Amino acid sequence: MKPITIVVADDQMLTREGLRTILDLEEDMEVVGVAINGLEACDLASSLHPDVVLLDIRMPTMNGIEALKIIRGSCPNTAILILTTFLEDQYILEAMANGAQGYILKDMDGDRMIASIRDIAAGQFVLPTAVAARLAARASELADSHKQTGTYFGGSHQLRLTEREREIAGLMLQGLSNREIAGAMHVTEGTARNYISNLYGKLEVGERVQAIMRLQELLKE
């Protein structure tokens, strides 16, 4: 089986080399390059086309967010996982709005980090509970601030949602499944699916991943 090819970008040598050592021990993973800043990460991604790039946010020369934007454009099939010590709303929103498939913290358990890499290589989004909670809290704040006008997010692309749809959006951003959403809302799974379908229509998307990406874009506005 072809291993998951990975580029690691982090300006701290101990972190960078530690990740290389840990990941290379996995039979299904191979670190094909390491970078000390965002510019090097972009060059390596462009030349190697890895399956996954692990990007730190604060790096010299070019930070992780700027590198993310470039890699998303040049390597659309490469999944990008933000790996950082910073649990800050602005970083999370910028990363997700610009196409990161995941945002994890460096103090995450090693096994969970490895599982996260496998998940995004398989096309899934990865948001640990702490990160999802920050996104959901931000969504709730924005929903409350626009309650009188009936809009969920402001900016130039206002989206008008019902209270139930706002609740659905927040639960989706936390990564809950349809069944879990139904349980949280105390409705049947069929009813939850109807609400979700209505939300998809307003977001002009056809499935869950697109919906989450669209909500993340709107959160940034």
C-alpha atoms as a PDB file:
ATOM      1  CA  MET A   1       0.000   0.000   0.000  1.00  0.00           C
ATOM      2  CA  LYS A   2       1.295   3.448  -0.921  1.00  0.00           C
ATOM      3  CA  PRO A   3       2.271   5.398   2.210  1.00  0.00           C
ATOM      4  CA  ILE A   4       0.821   8.799   3.056  1.00  0.00           C
ATOM      5  CA  THR A   5       3.483  11.274   1.960  1.00  0.00           C
ATOM      6  CA  ILE A   6       3.964  14.229   4.304  1.00  0.00           C
ATOM      7  CA  VAL A   7       5.797  17.554   4.377  1.00  0.00           C
ATOM      8  CA  VAL A   8       6.396  19.048   7.831  1.00  0.00           C
ATOM      9  CA  ALA A   9       6.817  22.830   8.155  1.00  0.00           C
ATOM     10  CA  ASP A  10       7.874  24.222  11.541  1.00  0.00           C
ATOM     11  CA  ASP A  11      10.570  26.720  12.456  1.00  0.00           C
ATOM     12  CA  GLN A  12      11.492  24.869  15.666  1.00  0.00           C
ATOM     13  CA  MET A  13      14.055  22.169  14.930  1.00  0.00           C
ATOM     14  CA  LEU A  14      13.076  19.916  17.832  1.00  0.00           C
ATOM     15  CA  THR A  15       9.417  19.945  16.781  1.00  0.00           C
ATOM     16  CA  ARG A  16      10.248  19.488  13.104  1.00  0.00           C
ATOM     17  CA  GLU A  17      12.659  16.598  13.581  1.00  0.00           C
ATOM     18  CA  GLY A  18      10.577  15.061  16.345  1.00  0.00           C
ATOM     19  CA  LEU A  19       7.579  14.894  14.035  1.00  0.00           C
ATOM     20  CA  ARG A  20       9.698  13.409  11.269  1.00  0.00           C
ATOM     21  CA  THR A  21      10.939  10.668  13.602  1.00  0.00           C
ATOM     22  CA  ILE A  22       7.483   9.859  14.999  1.00  0.00           C
ATOM     23  CA  LEU A  23       5.720   9.819  11.635  1.00  0.00           C
ATOM     24  CA  ASP A  24       8.398   7.799   9.847  1.00  0.00           C
ATOM     25  CA  LEU A  25       7.873   5.034  12.421  1.00  0.00           C
ATOM     26  CA  GLU A  26       4.354   4.525  11.047  1.00  0.00           C
ATOM     27  CA  GLU A  27       4.242   1.897   8.304  1.00  0.00           C
ATOM     28  CA  ASP A  28       1.691   3.870   6.284  1.00  0.00           C
ATOM     29  CA  MET A  29       3.441   7.256   6.502  1.00  0.00           C
ATOM     30  CA  GLU A  30       6.550   8.803   4.963  1.00  0.00           C
ATOM     31  CA  VAL A  31       7.938  12.288   5.634  1.00  0.00           C
ATOM     32  CA  VAL A  32       9.276  13.336   2.234  1.00  0.00           C
ATOM     33  CA  GLY A  33      10.412  16.835   3.222  1.00  0.00           C
ATOM     34  CA  VAL A  34      10.804  19.300   6.084  1.00  0.00           C
ATOM     35  CA  ALA A  35      10.660  23.098   5.933  1.00  0.00           C
ATOM     36  CA  ILE A  36      11.688  25.816   8.382  1.00  0.00           C
ATOM     37  CA  ASN A  37       9.252  28.429   7.065  1.00  0.00           C
ATOM     38  CA  GLY A  38       6.212  28.885   4.866  1.00  0.00           C
ATOM     39  CA  LEU A  39       8.211  29.709   1.753  1.00  0.00           C
ATOM     40  CA  GLU A  40      10.129  26.431   1.950  1.00  0.00           C
ATOM     41  CA  ALA A  41       6.860  24.601   2.571  1.00  0.00           C
ATOM     42  CA  CYS A  42       5.413  26.067  -0.635  1.00  0.00           C
ATOM     43  CA  ASP A  43       8.481  25.040  -2.640  1.00  0.00           C
ATOM     44  CA  LEU A  44       8.431  21.499  -1.241  1.00  0.00           C
ATOM     45  CA  ALA A  45       4.703  21.110  -1.822  1.00  0.00           C
ATOM     46  CA  SER A  46       5.041  22.326  -5.401  1.00  0.00           C
ATOM     47  CA  SER A  47       7.907  19.947  -6.202  1.00  0.00           C
ATOM     48  CA  LEU A  48       6.860  16.881  -4.199  1.00  0.00           C
ATOM     49  CA  HIS A  49       3.036  17.058  -4.285  1.00  0.00           C
ATOM     50  CA  PRO A  50       2.666  15.323  -0.908  1.00  0.00           C
ATOM     51  CA  ASP A  51      -0.609  13.911   0.339  1.00  0.00           C
ATOM     52  CA  VAL A  52      -0.450  16.064   3.483  1.00  0.00           C
ATOM     53  CA  VAL A  53       1.349  19.214   4.615  1.00  0.00           C
ATOM     54  CA  LEU A  54       1.646  19.875   8.354  1.00  0.00           C
ATOM     55  CA  LEU A  55       1.873  23.654   8.734  1.00  0.00           C
ATOM     56  CA  ASP A  56       2.809  25.666  11.791  1.00  0.00           C
ATOM     57  CA  ILE A  57       1.234  29.141  11.847  1.00  0.00           C
ATOM     58  CA  ARG A  58       3.934  31.451  13.203  1.00  0.00           C
ATOM     59  CA  MET A  59       7.062  31.008  11.100  1.00  0.00           C
ATOM     60  CA  PRO A  60       9.659  33.465   9.760  1.00  0.00           C
ATOM     61  CA  THR A  61       9.844  34.631   6.113  1.00  0.00           C
ATOM     62  CA  MET A  62       6.299  33.429   5.398  1.00  0.00           C
ATOM     63  CA  ASN A  63       3.717  32.383   7.983  1.00  0.00           C
ATOM     64  CA  GLY A  64       1.499  29.326   7.781  1.00  0.00           C
ATOM     65  CA  ILE A  65      -1.635  31.161   6.657  1.00  0.00           C
ATOM     66  CA  GLU A  66       0.106  32.731   3.663  1.00  0.00           C
ATOM     67  CA  ALA A  67       1.705  29.395   2.802  1.00  0.00           C
ATOM     68  CA  LEU A  68      -1.696  27.719   3.083  1.00  0.00           C
ATOM     69  CA  LYS A  69      -3.185  30.072   0.496  1.00  0.00           C
ATOM     70  CA  ILE A  70      -0.376  29.392  -1.977  1.00  0.00           C
ATOM     71  CA  ILE A  71      -0.351  25.618  -1.499  1.00  0.00           C
ATOM     72  CA  ARG A  72      -4.129  25.406  -1.897  1.00  0.00           C
ATOM     73  CA  GLY A  73      -3.749  27.114  -5.277  1.00  0.00           C
ATOM     74  CA  SER A  74      -0.738  25.171  -6.541  1.00  0.00           C
ATOM     75  CA  CYS A  75      -1.510  21.750  -5.043  1.00  0.00           C
ATOM     76  CA  PRO A  76      -5.301  21.329  -4.820  1.00  0.00           C
ATOM     77  CA  ASN A  77      -5.004  17.603  -4.072  1.00  0.00           C
ATOM     78  CA  THR A  78      -2.731  18.138  -1.072  1.00  0.00           C
ATOM     79  CA  ALA A  79      -4.500  18.179   2.300  1.00  0.00           C
ATOM     80  CA  ILE A  80      -3.282  20.791   4.770  1.00  0.00           C
ATOM     81  CA  LEU A  81      -3.327  20.291   8.515  1.00  0.00           C
ATOM     82  CA  ILE A  82      -2.517  23.271  10.724  1.00  0.00           C
ATOM     83  CA  LEU A  83      -0.410  22.193  13.703  1.00  0.00           C
ATOM     84  CA  THR A  84       0.116  24.971  16.226  1.00  0.00           C
ATOM     85  CA  THR A  85       0.221  26.023  19.868  1.00  0.00           C
ATOM     86  CA  PHE A  86      -2.229  28.886  19.273  1.00  0.00           C
ATOM     87  CA  LEU A  87      -5.938  28.417  20.008  1.00  0.00           C
ATOM     88  CA  GLU A  88      -6.985  31.847  18.755  1.00  0.00           C
ATOM     89  CA  ASP A  89     -10.244  32.618  16.955  1.00  0.00           C
ATOM     90  CA  GLN A  90      -8.620  34.633  14.191  1.00  0.00           C
ATOM     91  CA  TYR A  91      -6.068  31.942  13.355  1.00  0.00           C
ATOM     92  CA  ILE A  92      -8.734  29.225  13.324  1.00  0.00           C
ATOM     93  CA  LEU A  93     -11.084  31.265  11.129  1.00  0.00           C
ATOM     94  CA  GLU A  94      -8.357  32.270   8.668  1.00  0.00           C
ATOM     95  CA  ALA A  95      -7.039  28.729   8.396  1.00  0.00           C
ATOM     96  CA  MET A  96     -10.406  27.096   7.814  1.00  0.00           C
ATOM     97  CA  ALA A  97     -11.696  29.851   5.520  1.00  0.00           C
ATOM     98  CA  ASN A  98      -8.598  29.508   3.336  1.00  0.00           C
ATOM     99  CA  GLY A  99      -8.928  25.777   2.847  1.00  0.00           C
ATOM    100  CA  ALA A 100      -7.196  23.956   5.701  1.00  0.00           C
ATOM    101  CA  GLN A 101      -8.712  20.517   6.239  1.00  0.00           C
ATOM    102  CA  GLY A 102      -7.858  20.522   9.917  1.00  0.00           C
ATOM    103  CA  TYR A 103      -6.527  22.526  12.850  1.00  0.00           C
ATOM    104  CA  ILE A 104      -4.870  20.696  15.728  1.00  0.00           C
ATOM    105  CA  LEU A 105      -2.746  21.691  18.695  1.00  0.00           C
ATOM    106  CA  LYS A 106       0.825  20.580  19.345  1.00  0.00           C
ATOM    107  CA  ASP A 107      -0.028  19.285  22.811  1.00  0.00           C
ATOM    108  CA  MET A 108      -2.387  16.713  21.281  1.00  0.00           C
ATOM    109  CA  ASP A 109      -1.722  13.084  22.187  1.00  0.00           C
ATOM    110  CA  GLY A 110       0.632  11.467  19.653  1.00  0.00           C
ATOM    111  CA  ASP A 111      -1.785   8.695  18.674  1.00  0.00           C
ATOM    112  CA  ARG A 112      -4.579  11.195  18.076  1.00  0.00           C
ATOM    113  CA  MET A 113      -2.265  13.349  15.962  1.00  0.00           C
ATOM    114  CA  ILE A 114      -1.365  10.352  13.796  1.00  0.00           C
ATOM    115  CA  ALA A 115      -5.047   9.457  13.496  1.00  0.00           C
ATOM    116  CA  SER A 116      -5.794  13.062  12.465  1.00  0.00           C
ATOM    117  CA  ILE A 117      -3.247  12.843   9.653  1.00  0.00           C
ATOM    118  CA  ARG A 118      -4.830   9.629   8.409  1.00  0.00           C
ATOM    119  CA  ASP A 119      -8.267  11.214   8.575  1.00  0.00           C
ATOM    120  CA  ILE A 120      -7.426  14.265   6.473  1.00  0.00           C
ATOM    121  CA  ALA A 121      -5.477  12.132   4.001  1.00  0.00           C
ATOM    122  CA  ALA A 122      -8.770  10.204   3.597  1.00  0.00           C
ATOM    123  CA  GLY A 123     -10.664  13.420   2.869  1.00  0.00           C
ATOM    124  CA  GLN A 124     -12.129  14.148   6.290  1.00  0.00           C
ATOM    125  CA  PHE A 125     -12.087  17.388   8.264  1.00  0.00           C
ATOM    126  CA  VAL A 126     -10.281  17.354  11.604  1.00  0.00           C
ATOM    127  CA  LEU A 127     -11.340  19.730  14.369  1.00  0.00           C
ATOM    128  CA  PRO A 128     -10.579  18.677  17.960  1.00  0.00           C
ATOM    129  CA  THR A 129     -13.208  19.502  20.549  1.00  0.00           C
ATOM    130  CA  ALA A 130     -11.410  22.622  21.804  1.00  0.00           C
ATOM    131  CA  VAL A 131     -11.111  24.071  18.287  1.00  0.00           C
ATOM    132  CA  ALA A 132     -14.681  23.159  17.300  1.00  0.00           C
ATOM    133  CA  ALA A 133     -15.947  24.745  20.509  1.00  0.00           C
ATOM    134  CA  ARG A 134     -14.221  28.037  19.639  1.00  0.00           C
ATOM    135  CA  LEU A 135     -15.773  28.003  16.168  1.00  0.00           C
ATOM    136  CA  ALA A 136     -19.200  27.199  17.570  1.00  0.00           C
ATOM    137  CA  ALA A 137     -18.890  29.957  20.179  1.00  0.00           C
ATOM    138  CA  ARG A 138     -17.931  32.439  17.473  1.00  0.00           C
ATOM    139  CA  ALA A 139     -20.887  31.327  15.362  1.00  0.00           C
ATOM    140  CA  SER A 140     -23.201  31.766  18.352  1.00  0.00           C
ATOM    141  CA  GLU A 141     -21.889  35.278  19.019  1.00  0.00           C
ATOM    142  CA  LEU A 142     -22.465  36.285  15.417  1.00  0.00           C
ATOM    143  CA  ALA A 143     -25.904  34.704  15.405  1.00  0.00           C
ATOM    144  CA  ASP A 144     -26.890  36.631  18.537  1.00  0.00           C
ATOM    145  CA  SER A 145     -25.545  39.899  17.158  1.00  0.00           C
ATOM    146  CA  HIS A 146     -27.770  39.558  14.077  1.00  0.00           C
ATOM    147  CA  LYS A 147     -30.841  38.119  15.767  1.00  0.00           C
ATOM    148  CA  GLN A 148     -32.930  41.245  15.310  1.00  0.00           C
ATOM    149  CA  THR A 149     -32.362  41.320  11.561  1.00  0.00           C
ATOM    150  CA  GLY A 150     -32.688  37.565  11.141  1.00  0.00           C
ATOM    151  CA  THR A 151     -29.225  37.207   9.599  1.00  0.00           C
ATOM    152  CA  TYR A 152     -26.722  34.626  10.677  1.00  0.00           C
ATOM    153  CA  PHE A 153     -23.545  36.230   9.356  1.00  0.00           C
ATOM    154  CA  GLY A 154     -22.888  39.804   8.302  1.00  0.00           C
ATOM    155  CA  GLY A 155     -20.493  41.301   5.808  1.00  0.00           C
ATOM    156  CA  SER A 156     -21.266  41.584   2.136  1.00  0.00           C
ATOM    157  CA  HIS A 157     -22.872  38.122   1.970  1.00  0.00           C
ATOM    158  CA  GLN A 158     -25.586  38.119   4.622  1.00  0.00           C
ATOM    159  CA  LEU A 159     -27.317  34.814   5.162  1.00  0.00           C
ATOM    160  CA  ARG A 160     -30.828  34.742   6.596  1.00  0.00           C
ATOM    161  CA  LEU A 161     -31.423  31.701   8.799  1.00  0.00           C
ATOM    162  CA  THR A 162     -34.089  30.578  11.218  1.00  0.00           C
ATOM    163  CA  GLU A 163     -33.196  29.927  14.849  1.00  0.00           C
ATOM    164  CA  ARG A 164     -33.212  26.167  14.172  1.00  0.00           C
ATOM    165  CA  GLU A 165     -30.912  26.585  11.169  1.00  0.00           C
ATOM    166  CA  ARG A 166     -28.510  28.687  13.232  1.00  0.00           C
ATOM    167  CA  GLU A 167     -28.454  25.902  15.814  1.00  0.00           C
ATOM    168  CA  ILE A 168     -27.832  23.319  13.091  1.00  0.00           C
ATOM    169  CA  ALA A 169     -24.937  25.374  11.696  1.00  0.00           C
ATOM    170  CA  GLY A 170     -23.277  25.580  15.104  1.00  0.00           C
ATOM    171  CA  LEU A 171     -23.622  21.836  15.686  1.00  0.00           C
ATOM    172  CA  MET A 172     -22.245  21.063  12.227  1.00  0.00           C
ATOM    173  CA  LEU A 173     -19.205  23.222  12.942  1.00  0.00           C
ATOM    174  CA  GLN A 174     -18.619  21.082  16.024  1.00  0.00           C
ATOM    175  CA  GLY A 175     -18.421  18.033  13.774  1.00  0.00           C
ATOM    176  CA  LEU A 176     -21.619  16.323  14.967  1.00  0.00           C
ATOM    177  CA  SER A 177     -23.264  13.669  12.807  1.00  0.00           C
ATOM    178  CA  ASN A 178     -26.935  13.827  11.780  1.00  0.00           C
ATOM    179  CA  ARG A 179     -27.853  11.460  14.603  1.00  0.00           C
ATOM    180  CA  GLU A 180     -25.895  13.503  17.149  1.00  0.00           C
ATOM    181  CA  ILE A 181     -27.493  16.717  15.879  1.00  0.00           C
ATOM    182  CA  ALA A 182     -30.939  15.152  16.246  1.00  0.00           C
ATOM    183  CA  GLY A 183     -30.107  14.152  19.822  1.00  0.00           C
ATOM    184  CA  ALA A 184     -28.786  17.602  20.716  1.00  0.00           C
ATOM    185  CA  MET A 185     -31.910  19.251  19.291  1.00  0.00           C
ATOM    186  CA  HIS A 186     -34.314  16.660  20.769  1.00  0.00           C
ATOM    187  CA  VAL A 187     -35.888  15.891  17.382  1.00  0.00           C
ATOM    188  CA  THR A 188     -36.040  12.794  15.194  1.00  0.00           C
ATOM    189  CA  GLU A 189     -33.171  12.110  12.810  1.00  0.00           C
ATOM    190  CA  GLY A 190     -35.549  12.640   9.874  1.00  0.00           C
ATOM    191  CA  THR A 191     -36.502  16.090  11.162  1.00  0.00           C
ATOM    192  CA  ALA A 192     -32.846  16.958  11.634  1.00  0.00           C
ATOM    193  CA  ARG A 193     -32.148  15.878   8.045  1.00  0.00           C
ATOM    194  CA  ASN A 194     -34.899  18.200   6.831  1.00  0.00           C
ATOM    195  CA  TYR A 195     -33.381  21.146   8.701  1.00  0.00           C
ATOM    196  CA  ILE A 196     -29.954  20.264   7.326  1.00  0.00           C
ATOM    197  CA  SER A 197     -31.343  20.027   3.789  1.00  0.00           C
ATOM    198  CA  ASN A 198     -32.900  23.488   4.153  1.00  0.00           C
ATOM    199  CA  LEU A 199     -29.587  24.845   5.399  1.00  0.00           C
ATOM    200  CA  TYR A 200     -27.772  23.314   2.419  1.00  0.00           C
ATOM    201  CA  GLY A 201     -30.207  25.089   0.129  1.00  0.00           C
ATOM    202  CA  LYS A 202     -29.536  28.480   1.701  1.00  0.00           C
ATOM    203  CA  LEU A 203     -25.777  27.845   1.619  1.00  0.00           C
ATOM    204  CA  GLU A 204     -26.115  26.707  -2.021  1.00  0.00           C
ATOM    205  CA  VAL A 205     -24.194  23.489  -1.390  1.00  0.00           C
ATOM    206  CA  GLY A 206     -24.984  19.817  -1.833  1.00  0.00           C
ATOM    207  CA  GLU A 207     -23.147  18.038   0.977  1.00  0.00           C
ATOM    208  CA  ARG A 208     -21.640  18.318   4.475  1.00  0.00           C
ATOM    209  CA  VAL A 209     -18.029  19.197   3.616  1.00  0.00           C
ATOM    210  CA  GLN A 210     -19.111  22.022   1.293  1.00  0.00           C
ATOM    211  CA  ALA A 211     -21.526  23.298   3.940  1.00  0.00           C
ATOM    212  CA  ILE A 212     -18.824  23.424   6.611  1.00  0.00           C
ATOM    213  CA  MET A 213     -16.440  25.195   4.254  1.00  0.00           C
ATOM    214  CA  ARG A 214     -19.123  27.749   3.354  1.00  0.00           C
ATOM    215  CA  LEU A 215     -19.959  28.388   7.018  1.00  0.00           C
ATOM    216  CA  GLN A 216     -16.261  28.834   7.753  1.00  0.00           C
ATOM    217  CA  GLU A 217     -16.005  31.390   4.946  1.00  0.00           C
ATOM    218  CA  LEU A 218     -18.983  33.287   6.329  1.00  0.00           C
ATOM    219  CA  LEU A 219     -17.520  33.210   9.829  1.00  0.00           C
ATOM    220  CA  LYS A 220     -14.528  35.110   8.516  1.00  0.00           C
ATOM    221  CA  GLU A 221     -16.605  37.983   7.131  1.00  0.00           C
END
